C-alpha atoms as a PDB file:
ATOM      1  CA  UNK A   1     100.219  28.195 143.378  1.00  0.00           C
ATOM      2  CA  UNK A   2     103.520  29.939 142.515  1.00  0.00           C
ATOM      3  CA  UNK A   3     104.115  30.165 146.272  1.00  0.00           C
ATOM      4  CA  UNK A   4     103.819  26.384 146.667  1.00  0.00           C
ATOM      5  CA  UNK A   5     106.134  25.900 143.611  1.00  0.00           C
ATOM      6  CA  UNK A   6     108.697  28.343 145.043  1.00  0.00           C
ATOM      7  CA  UNK A   7     108.570  26.537 148.583  1.00  0.00           C
ATOM      8  CA  UNK A   8     109.057  23.130 146.873  1.00  0.00           C
ATOM      9  CA  UNK A   9     112.090  24.456 144.838  1.00  0.00           C
ATOM     10  CA  UNK A  10     113.615  26.199 147.879  1.00  0.00           C
ATOM     11  CA  UNK A  11     113.223  23.089 150.120  1.00  0.00           C
ATOM     12  CA  UNK A  12     114.685  20.725 147.515  1.00  0.00           C
ATOM     13  CA  UNK A  13     117.584  23.174 146.452  1.00  0.00           C
ATOM     14  CA  UNK A  14     120.276  20.598 147.696  1.00  0.00           C
ATOM     15  CA  UNK A  15     118.858  17.896 145.615  1.00  0.00           C
ATOM     16  CA  UNK A  16     118.613  20.272 142.561  1.00  0.00           C
ATOM     17  CA  UNK A  17     122.422  21.016 143.213  1.00  0.00           C
ATOM     18  CA  UNK A  18     123.219  17.326 143.479  1.00  0.00           C
ATOM     19  CA  UNK A  19     121.192  16.443 140.260  1.00  0.00           C
ATOM     20  CA  UNK A  20     123.184  19.170 138.372  1.00  0.00           C
ATOM     21  CA  UNK A  21     126.473  18.059 139.609  1.00  0.00           C
ATOM     22  CA  UNK A  22     125.989  14.369 138.503  1.00  0.00           C
ATOM     23  CA  UNK A  23     126.526  14.492 134.661  1.00  0.00           C
ATOM     24  CA  UNK A  24     123.164  16.019 134.096  1.00  0.00           C
ATOM     25  CA  UNK A  25     122.229  18.186 130.973  1.00  0.00           C
ATOM     26  CA  UNK A  26     119.683  20.038 132.886  1.00  0.00           C
ATOM     27  CA  UNK A  27     116.353  20.196 134.503  1.00  0.00           C
ATOM     28  CA  UNK A  28     112.847  21.744 134.010  1.00  0.00           C
ATOM     29  CA  UNK A  29     110.131  22.285 136.729  1.00  0.00           C
ATOM     30  CA  UNK A  30     106.864  22.917 134.857  1.00  0.00           C
ATOM     31  CA  UNK A  31     103.738  24.436 136.349  1.00  0.00           C
ATOM     32  CA  UNK A  32     100.933  21.989 135.548  1.00  0.00           C
ATOM     33  CA  UNK A  33      98.050  24.509 135.718  1.00  0.00           C
ATOM     34  CA  UNK A  34      99.462  26.974 133.268  1.00  0.00           C
ATOM     35  CA  UNK A  35     101.593  24.408 131.320  1.00  0.00           C
ATOM     36  CA  UNK A  36     104.639  26.688 131.606  1.00  0.00           C
ATOM     37  CA  UNK A  37     108.106  26.641 132.821  1.00  0.00           C
ATOM     38  CA  UNK A  38     108.501  27.563 136.434  1.00  0.00           C
ATOM     39  CA  UNK A  39     112.360  26.913 136.914  1.00  0.00           C
ATOM     40  CA  UNK A  40     114.858  25.654 134.396  1.00  0.00           C
ATOM     41  CA  UNK A  41     118.579  25.191 133.787  1.00  0.00           C
ATOM     42  CA  UNK A  42     117.968  25.189 129.944  1.00  0.00           C
ATOM     43  CA  UNK A  43     117.398  28.064 127.563  1.00  0.00           C
ATOM     44  CA  UNK A  44     113.774  29.143 127.319  1.00  0.00           C
ATOM     45  CA  UNK A  45     113.360  27.599 123.845  1.00  0.00           C
ATOM     46  CA  UNK A  46     114.579  24.068 124.927  1.00  0.00           C
ATOM     47  CA  UNK A  47     112.694  24.191 128.169  1.00  0.00           C
ATOM     48  CA  UNK A  48     109.379  25.110 126.428  1.00  0.00           C
ATOM     49  CA  UNK A  49     109.944  22.283 123.826  1.00  0.00           C
ATOM     50  CA  UNK A  50     110.329  19.750 126.798  1.00  0.00           C
ATOM     51  CA  UNK A  51     107.291  21.011 128.573  1.00  0.00           C
ATOM     52  CA  UNK A  52     105.218  20.838 125.356  1.00  0.00           C
ATOM     53  CA  UNK A  53     106.238  17.499 124.172  1.00  0.00           C
ATOM     54  CA  UNK A  54     106.977  15.505 127.141  1.00  0.00           C
ATOM     55  CA  UNK A  55     104.789  16.990 129.799  1.00  0.00           C
ATOM     56  CA  UNK A  56     102.008  18.140 127.459  1.00  0.00           C
ATOM     57  CA  UNK A  57     101.722  14.977 125.305  1.00  0.00           C
ATOM     58  CA  UNK A  58     103.735  11.906 126.687  1.00  0.00           C
ATOM     59  CA  UNK A  59     103.014  12.244 130.371  1.00  0.00           C
ATOM     60  CA  UNK A  60      99.177  12.517 130.043  1.00  0.00           C
ATOM     61  CA  UNK A  61      99.197   9.571 127.557  1.00  0.00           C
ATOM     62  CA  UNK A  62     101.200   7.406 130.091  1.00  0.00           C
ATOM     63  CA  UNK A  63      99.048   8.509 133.020  1.00  0.00           C
ATOM     64  CA  UNK A  64      95.901   7.422 131.115  1.00  0.00           C
ATOM     65  CA  UNK A  65      97.553   3.949 130.281  1.00  0.00           C
ATOM     66  CA  UNK A  66      98.247   3.362 133.943  1.00  0.00           C
ATOM     67  CA  UNK A  67      94.772   4.336 134.921  1.00  0.00           C
ATOM     68  CA  UNK A  68      93.375   2.139 132.139  1.00  0.00           C
ATOM     69  CA  UNK A  69      95.340  -0.883 133.402  1.00  0.00           C
ATOM     70  CA  UNK A  70      94.440  -0.149 137.118  1.00  0.00           C
ATOM     71  CA  UNK A  71      92.137   2.538 138.045  1.00  0.00           C
ATOM     72  CA  UNK A  72      93.396   2.665 141.535  1.00  0.00           C
ATOM     73  CA  UNK A  73      97.077   3.274 140.447  1.00  0.00           C
ATOM     74  CA  UNK A  74      98.965   6.399 139.628  1.00  0.00           C
ATOM     75  CA  UNK A  75     101.991   7.256 137.504  1.00  0.00           C
ATOM     76  CA  UNK A  76     104.610   8.675 139.886  1.00  0.00           C
ATOM     77  CA  UNK A  77     107.802   8.362 137.926  1.00  0.00           C
ATOM     78  CA  UNK A  78     108.644   7.756 134.309  1.00  0.00           C
ATOM     79  CA  UNK A  79     112.035   7.178 132.691  1.00  0.00           C
ATOM     80  CA  UNK A  80     112.439   7.587 128.846  1.00  0.00           C
ATOM     81  CA  UNK A  81     115.802   6.674 127.200  1.00  0.00           C
ATOM     82  CA  UNK A  82     116.870   7.853 123.752  1.00  0.00           C
ATOM     83  CA  UNK A  83     120.127   7.568 121.889  1.00  0.00           C
ATOM     84  CA  UNK A  84     121.421  10.945 123.128  1.00  0.00           C
ATOM     85  CA  UNK A  85     119.571  11.527 126.486  1.00  0.00           C
ATOM     86  CA  UNK A  86     117.649  10.047 129.367  1.00  0.00           C
ATOM     87  CA  UNK A  87     114.520  11.875 130.579  1.00  0.00           C
ATOM     88  CA  UNK A  88     113.533  11.261 134.058  1.00  0.00           C
ATOM     89  CA  UNK A  89     109.969  12.591 134.600  1.00  0.00           C
ATOM     90  CA  UNK A  90     108.206  13.029 137.976  1.00  0.00           C
ATOM     91  CA  UNK A  91     104.595  14.221 137.640  1.00  0.00           C
ATOM     92  CA  UNK A  92     103.025  15.744 140.691  1.00  0.00           C
ATOM     93  CA  UNK A  93      99.550  17.476 141.191  1.00  0.00           C
ATOM     94  CA  UNK A  94     100.677  21.047 140.813  1.00  0.00           C
ATOM     95  CA  UNK A  95     103.979  20.783 138.849  1.00  0.00           C
ATOM     96  CA  UNK A  96     106.159  18.119 136.804  1.00  0.00           C
ATOM     97  CA  UNK A  97     109.877  17.825 137.360  1.00  0.00           C
ATOM     98  CA  UNK A  98     112.031  16.604 134.226  1.00  0.00           C
ATOM     99  CA  UNK A  99     115.665  15.903 134.476  1.00  0.00           C
ATOM    100  CA  UNK A 100     117.758  15.374 131.411  1.00  0.00           C
ATOM    101  CA  UNK A 101     120.804  13.260 131.776  1.00  0.00           C
END
């Protein structure tokens, strides 16, 4: 599992560098199986809060809504805008990527 995540992070390192360079506050890659932070540009406390609240509560609720509306559909990308930040969330099978702008 960790090997898969490390390969994905390594393969997408140019994209991660571009995301960080474009007025981004940071990013979090979370391991879905352990519900833990795998890679982040934030401090551990902030990253854990993002994983707990967004990936642990909001993403599953939104995935459930999408499946309720159309059982053949799947949530692939979610954008949440607040007054201070914008959260770009991409849930995958083994991990979830969250970018904060």
